[in-house]
Amino acid sequence: MIRLIIIPLMDKALEEPGNILRLHHCCNKEDYVYHHAISIGLIGGYIAYKMKCHRADVYQVAIGGCLVDCGISIGSMVKLSNGFIAEIIFIDAGSQTRPVIKVMGSGQIINLGINREFYIEEII
């Protein structure tokens, strides 16, 4: 679900990067928590873009920034791109968007940093 929101926003932000610096004008007190998470994701993605990272990595940074700011942590349940439900069991500080997960049902341990064909689609 988060990918469906953040990727189009990231694409739009990269088309008009000046708007990234004006994100704080779009926020009100009631929605601050939500706006802040999205803003952190977009700013992180923009930094990755300026560092000449591949577009897929820019998206991962944007998603990771958003998820980290909204409180994803060890023990969180997630839905993977292949439909599996998993629990985050370890987050490497050097790769916060690609944690180690345990697939529910099978107990299989997958390091998303190594197995890049899977990604977190939704926090449950």
Protein backbone atom coordinates (compact mmCIF):
# COMPACT_ATOMS: atom_id res chain seq x y z
CA MET A 1 0.00 0.00 0.00
CA ILE A 2 2.74 2.48 0.92
CA ARG A 3 4.42 1.87 -2.44
CA LEU A 4 1.23 2.93 -4.23
CA ILE A 5 1.39 6.26 -2.44
CA ILE A 6 5.07 7.12 -2.12
CA ILE A 7 6.32 6.13 -5.60
CA PRO A 8 4.00 8.49 -7.54
CA LEU A 9 4.73 11.23 -4.99
CA MET A 10 8.47 10.66 -5.40
CA ASP A 11 8.16 10.81 -9.19
CA LYS A 12 6.22 14.07 -8.94
CA ALA A 13 8.72 15.50 -6.45
CA LEU A 14 11.61 14.69 -8.79
CA GLU A 15 9.80 16.46 -11.65
CA GLU A 16 9.57 19.62 -9.51
CA PRO A 17 12.27 19.31 -6.83
CA GLY A 18 11.72 22.86 -5.57
CA ASN A 19 8.45 21.68 -4.04
CA ILE A 20 10.32 19.35 -1.68
CA LEU A 21 11.62 22.39 0.18
CA ARG A 22 8.07 23.72 0.52
CA LEU A 23 6.50 20.58 1.99
CA HIS A 24 6.25 22.14 5.45
CA HIS A 25 3.73 24.67 4.08
CA CYS A 26 1.29 21.84 3.32
CA CYS A 27 0.98 20.69 6.92
CA ASN A 28 -1.44 21.49 9.70
CA LYS A 29 -1.27 20.52 13.39
CA GLU A 30 -3.90 17.79 13.13
CA ASP A 31 -2.14 15.94 10.31
CA TYR A 32 1.47 16.67 11.27
CA VAL A 33 2.36 13.04 12.05
CA TYR A 34 1.20 11.85 8.62
CA HIS A 35 2.73 14.71 6.67
CA HIS A 36 6.04 14.40 8.49
CA ALA A 37 6.45 10.70 7.61
CA ILE A 38 5.77 11.38 3.92
CA SER A 39 8.06 14.42 3.95
CA ILE A 40 10.93 12.45 5.49
CA GLY A 41 10.49 9.78 2.82
CA LEU A 42 10.48 12.30 -0.03
CA ILE A 43 13.48 14.20 1.31
CA GLY A 44 15.41 10.96 1.74
CA GLY A 45 14.50 9.86 -1.77
CA TYR A 46 15.60 13.21 -3.16
CA ILE A 47 18.96 12.91 -1.41
CA ALA A 48 19.40 9.42 -2.90
CA TYR A 49 18.51 10.84 -6.33
CA LYS A 50 21.09 13.62 -5.96
CA MET A 51 23.66 10.96 -5.00
CA LYS A 52 22.92 9.39 -8.41
CA CYS A 53 21.39 6.21 -6.99
CA HIS A 54 19.36 3.99 -9.31
CA ARG A 55 15.66 4.87 -9.42
CA ALA A 56 14.71 1.63 -7.62
CA ASP A 57 17.04 2.57 -4.77
CA VAL A 58 15.59 6.09 -4.68
CA TYR A 59 12.17 4.51 -4.19
CA GLN A 60 13.48 2.19 -1.47
CA VAL A 61 15.03 5.12 0.40
CA ALA A 62 11.77 7.08 0.11
CA ILE A 63 9.74 4.14 1.38
CA GLY A 64 12.27 3.46 4.14
CA GLY A 65 12.26 7.08 5.27
CA CYS A 66 8.51 7.07 5.46
CA LEU A 67 8.34 3.74 7.31
CA VAL A 68 11.07 4.62 9.77
CA ASP A 69 9.40 7.90 10.62
CA CYS A 70 6.02 6.26 11.14
CA GLY A 71 7.47 3.70 13.53
CA ILE A 72 8.13 0.43 11.73
CA SER A 73 10.16 -1.72 14.08
CA ILE A 74 11.19 -5.23 15.00
CA GLY A 75 8.07 -7.28 15.54
CA SER A 76 6.04 -5.38 12.94
CA MET A 77 3.97 -7.53 10.61
CA VAL A 78 4.34 -6.82 6.91
CA LYS A 79 2.94 -8.04 3.62
CA LEU A 80 5.61 -8.81 1.02
CA SER A 81 5.42 -8.27 -2.73
CA ASN A 82 4.81 -12.01 -3.22
CA GLY A 83 1.77 -11.92 -0.90
CA PHE A 84 3.51 -13.59 2.08
CA ILE A 85 2.89 -12.23 5.56
CA ALA A 86 6.05 -11.85 7.60
CA GLU A 87 7.43 -10.44 10.83
CA ILE A 88 10.42 -8.12 10.92
CA ILE A 89 13.03 -9.78 13.12
CA PHE A 90 16.14 -7.66 12.47
CA ILE A 91 16.83 -4.22 10.98
CA ASP A 92 20.41 -3.54 9.92
CA ALA A 93 21.31 0.10 10.52
CA GLY A 94 23.06 0.16 7.14
CA SER A 95 20.02 -1.13 5.26
CA GLN A 96 16.91 -0.02 7.14
CA THR A 97 14.61 -0.44 4.15
CA ARG A 98 15.65 -4.07 3.64
CA PRO A 99 15.19 -5.88 7.01
CA VAL A 100 15.46 -9.55 7.86
CA ILE A 101 11.98 -11.07 8.04
CA LYS A 102 10.42 -14.35 9.17
CA VAL A 103 7.66 -15.67 6.90
CA MET A 104 4.56 -16.67 8.83
CA GLY A 105 3.51 -20.27 8.39
CA SER A 106 6.77 -21.62 7.01
CA GLY A 107 9.14 -19.91 9.45
CA GLN A 108 11.50 -19.17 6.56
CA ILE A 109 14.02 -16.39 7.31
CA ILE A 110 14.64 -13.99 4.41
CA ASN A 111 17.18 -11.18 4.34
CA LEU A 112 15.55 -8.61 2.06
CA GLY A 113 18.94 -6.94 1.65
CA ILE A 114 20.18 -10.05 -0.14
CA ASN A 115 16.93 -11.34 -1.69
CA ARG A 116 16.09 -8.17 -3.59
CA GLU A 117 13.28 -9.77 -5.62
CA PHE A 118 10.98 -9.25 -2.60
CA TYR A 119 10.02 -5.97 -0.98
CA ILE A 120 7.67 -4.76 1.76
CA GLU A 121 4.38 -3.85 0.18
CA GLU A 122 2.37 -2.99 3.27
CA ILE A 123 2.64 -2.74 7.05
CA ILE A 124 -0.13 -4.75 8.66
